[in-house]
Amino acid sequence: MIQKKICMIGAFAVGKTSLVERFVTSLFSEKYHTTIGVKIDKKLIHVRDCDMSMILWDLYGEDEFQKIRASYLRGAAGYLLVADGTRAETLTKAVALQKFTEETLGKTPFALLINKCDLVNEREIDRNDLETCRQNGWRVIETSAKTGEAIEDAFLTLAADMLECDANTQ
């Protein structure tokens, strides 16, 4: 069995913890839980004829008061960049965090998750901005931690991308 470290990265209150909780336990809580530092979870998956232990590092949300530490990113085989579909500024933050993460880790598999896609009437992130991300080679997946929409797909797609990256570097 192989083991891979995955970091959850994004602004404050975009739903990183809820996405991990939904993926690991299939549960969703309406209560907001602030992550202090890092919370680590684990899930065993099977992808592309391979058993993988995903070690999920849910990093605290970056805001004007605290910045993500490069040391938390070290050793990550991939990451999920999370933005809140109801707050346009979180996409701007995600773009900046992607640049920081790539400077720290180098080219590493990742996907941009636009969370809270169930809140259609509150959406602020423009579809044209998402298309720009796609044109820049980013994988963009719209998710909802509340309904579970596309969560399993997001994590399994990242796992497959990490395996492909490993195969290409051998």
Protein backbone atom coordinates (compact mmCIF):
# COMPACT_ATOMS: atom_id res chain seq x y z
CA MET A 1 0.00 0.00 0.00
CA ILE A 2 1.27 3.44 -0.88
CA GLN A 3 0.79 6.48 1.31
CA LYS A 4 0.26 10.03 0.01
CA LYS A 5 0.05 13.33 1.87
CA ILE A 6 -2.63 15.68 0.53
CA CYS A 7 -3.05 19.27 1.76
CA MET A 8 -6.35 21.14 1.87
CA ILE A 9 -5.58 24.78 1.12
CA GLY A 10 -7.78 27.85 0.93
CA ALA A 11 -9.06 30.99 2.58
CA PHE A 12 -10.84 31.09 5.93
CA ALA A 13 -14.30 29.41 6.02
CA VAL A 14 -14.39 27.98 2.49
CA GLY A 15 -15.32 24.49 3.70
CA LYS A 16 -12.00 22.60 3.77
CA THR A 17 -12.81 20.82 7.04
CA SER A 18 -16.35 20.01 5.88
CA LEU A 19 -15.03 18.54 2.62
CA VAL A 20 -12.59 16.29 4.50
CA GLU A 21 -15.27 15.26 6.99
CA ARG A 22 -17.71 14.41 4.18
CA PHE A 23 -15.05 12.41 2.33
CA VAL A 24 -13.74 10.50 5.37
CA THR A 25 -16.98 9.87 7.33
CA SER A 26 -19.78 10.76 4.85
CA LEU A 27 -21.10 13.25 7.44
CA PHE A 28 -21.82 16.97 7.28
CA SER A 29 -22.32 19.33 10.21
CA GLU A 30 -23.95 22.75 10.04
CA LYS A 31 -21.68 23.86 12.93
CA TYR A 32 -18.66 25.86 11.91
CA HIS A 33 -15.35 24.53 13.22
CA THR A 34 -12.28 26.74 12.98
CA THR A 35 -9.12 24.79 12.24
CA ILE A 36 -6.20 25.82 14.42
CA GLY A 37 -2.92 24.87 12.80
CA VAL A 38 -3.55 21.58 11.02
CA LYS A 39 -5.99 18.71 11.46
CA ILE A 40 -4.91 15.35 10.05
CA ASP A 41 -7.26 12.61 8.86
CA LYS A 42 -6.70 9.41 6.92
CA LYS A 43 -8.72 7.45 4.40
CA LEU A 44 -7.90 4.25 2.58
CA ILE A 45 -8.96 4.18 -1.06
CA HIS A 46 -8.54 1.96 -4.09
CA VAL A 47 -7.74 3.72 -7.35
CA ARG A 48 -6.25 2.43 -10.61
CA ASP A 49 -5.65 -1.06 -9.17
CA CYS A 50 -3.72 0.46 -6.28
CA ASP A 51 -4.46 0.70 -2.56
CA MET A 52 -3.63 4.14 -1.23
CA SER A 53 -3.64 5.62 2.23
CA MET A 54 -4.51 9.30 1.84
CA ILE A 55 -3.15 11.37 4.72
CA LEU A 56 -5.27 14.52 4.61
CA TRP A 57 -3.77 17.68 6.07
CA ASP A 58 -6.55 20.19 6.63
CA LEU A 59 -4.63 23.46 6.98
CA TYR A 60 -6.06 26.50 8.74
CA GLY A 61 -7.64 29.04 6.42
CA GLU A 62 -5.39 31.83 5.32
CA ASP A 63 -6.56 35.37 6.03
CA GLU A 64 -5.04 38.80 6.64
CA PHE A 65 -3.82 37.71 10.10
CA GLN A 66 -2.16 34.38 9.35
CA LYS A 67 -0.34 32.95 6.38
CA ILE A 68 0.11 29.27 5.56
CA ARG A 69 3.47 27.92 6.64
CA ALA A 70 5.61 26.35 3.95
CA SER A 71 6.61 23.63 6.44
CA TYR A 72 3.00 22.33 6.46
CA LEU A 73 3.17 21.81 2.70
CA ARG A 74 6.45 19.88 2.59
CA GLY A 75 6.08 16.27 1.58
CA ALA A 76 2.68 16.75 -0.04
CA ALA A 77 2.10 14.61 -3.11
CA GLY A 78 -0.92 16.72 -4.09
CA TYR A 79 -3.33 19.33 -2.83
CA LEU A 80 -6.88 20.51 -3.11
CA LEU A 81 -7.24 24.24 -3.44
CA VAL A 82 -10.65 25.29 -2.10
CA ALA A 83 -12.71 28.41 -2.84
CA ASP A 84 -16.21 29.29 -1.65
CA GLY A 85 -18.53 29.75 -4.62
CA THR A 86 -20.50 32.36 -2.65
CA ARG A 87 -17.45 34.57 -1.98
CA ALA A 88 -15.55 35.78 -5.05
CA GLU A 89 -12.55 36.98 -3.00
CA THR A 90 -11.80 33.35 -2.04
CA LEU A 91 -10.96 32.55 -5.67
CA THR A 92 -8.48 35.43 -5.69
CA LYS A 93 -6.96 34.01 -2.49
CA ALA A 94 -6.87 30.52 -4.05
CA VAL A 95 -4.93 31.82 -7.07
CA ALA A 96 -2.36 33.42 -4.76
CA LEU A 97 -2.13 30.28 -2.64
CA GLN A 98 -1.58 28.14 -5.73
CA LYS A 99 1.40 30.30 -6.71
CA PHE A 100 2.82 30.06 -3.18
CA THR A 101 2.28 26.30 -3.07
CA GLU A 102 3.91 25.76 -6.46
CA GLU A 103 6.91 27.86 -5.38
CA THR A 104 7.17 25.68 -2.25
CA LEU A 105 6.52 22.22 -3.72
CA GLY A 106 7.25 22.65 -7.41
CA LYS A 107 4.79 21.26 -9.97
CA THR A 108 2.46 19.04 -7.93
CA PRO A 109 -0.93 17.57 -8.84
CA PHE A 110 -3.84 19.67 -7.59
CA ALA A 111 -7.44 20.55 -8.25
CA LEU A 112 -9.42 23.69 -7.57
CA LEU A 113 -12.64 22.91 -5.72
CA ILE A 114 -15.41 25.48 -5.89
CA ASN A 115 -17.32 24.51 -2.77
CA LYS A 116 -20.92 25.32 -1.79
CA CYS A 117 -22.22 24.75 -5.33
CA ASP A 118 -25.61 23.94 -3.77
CA LEU A 119 -26.06 27.65 -2.93
CA VAL A 120 -26.90 28.58 -6.53
CA ASN A 121 -28.70 31.84 -5.69
CA GLU A 122 -25.76 33.11 -3.64
CA ARG A 123 -23.06 32.36 -6.20
CA GLU A 124 -20.45 35.10 -6.67
CA ILE A 125 -17.67 33.32 -8.55
CA ASP A 126 -18.07 34.02 -12.24
CA ARG A 127 -18.06 31.07 -14.67
CA ASN A 128 -15.67 33.03 -16.92
CA ASP A 129 -13.12 33.08 -14.08
CA LEU A 130 -13.40 29.30 -13.81
CA GLU A 131 -12.93 28.95 -17.55
CA THR A 132 -9.75 31.05 -17.26
CA CYS A 133 -8.48 28.64 -14.59
CA ARG A 134 -9.25 25.68 -16.87
CA GLN A 135 -7.46 27.36 -19.78
CA ASN A 136 -4.42 27.70 -17.50
CA GLY A 137 -4.42 23.91 -17.10
CA TRP A 138 -6.20 23.76 -13.75
CA ARG A 139 -8.65 20.97 -12.99
CA VAL A 140 -11.80 22.69 -11.63
CA ILE A 141 -14.45 20.70 -9.75
CA GLU A 142 -17.62 22.17 -8.28
CA THR A 143 -18.47 20.53 -4.95
CA SER A 144 -20.86 20.72 -2.03
CA ALA A 145 -19.79 19.40 1.36
CA LYS A 146 -23.43 19.75 2.43
CA THR A 147 -24.95 17.53 -0.28
CA GLY A 148 -21.82 15.48 -0.99
CA GLU A 149 -21.83 16.50 -4.65
CA ALA A 150 -18.59 15.60 -6.49
CA ILE A 151 -16.56 15.11 -3.27
CA GLU A 152 -15.61 11.48 -3.81
CA ASP A 153 -14.80 12.32 -7.44
CA ALA A 154 -12.55 15.23 -6.39
CA PHE A 155 -10.41 13.14 -4.03
CA LEU A 156 -10.26 10.10 -6.33
CA THR A 157 -9.35 12.27 -9.33
CA LEU A 158 -6.50 13.84 -7.35
CA ALA A 159 -5.34 10.35 -6.28
CA ALA A 160 -5.31 9.20 -9.92
CA ASP A 161 -3.39 12.35 -10.94
CA MET A 162 -0.79 11.66 -8.24
CA LEU A 163 -0.34 8.07 -9.45
CA GLU A 164 0.03 9.30 -13.03
CA CYS A 165 2.62 11.84 -11.88
CA ASP A 166 4.54 9.04 -10.11
CA ALA A 167 4.44 6.91 -13.28
CA ASN A 168 5.71 9.80 -15.41
CA THR A 169 8.68 10.46 -13.10
CA GLN A 170 9.93 6.86 -13.10
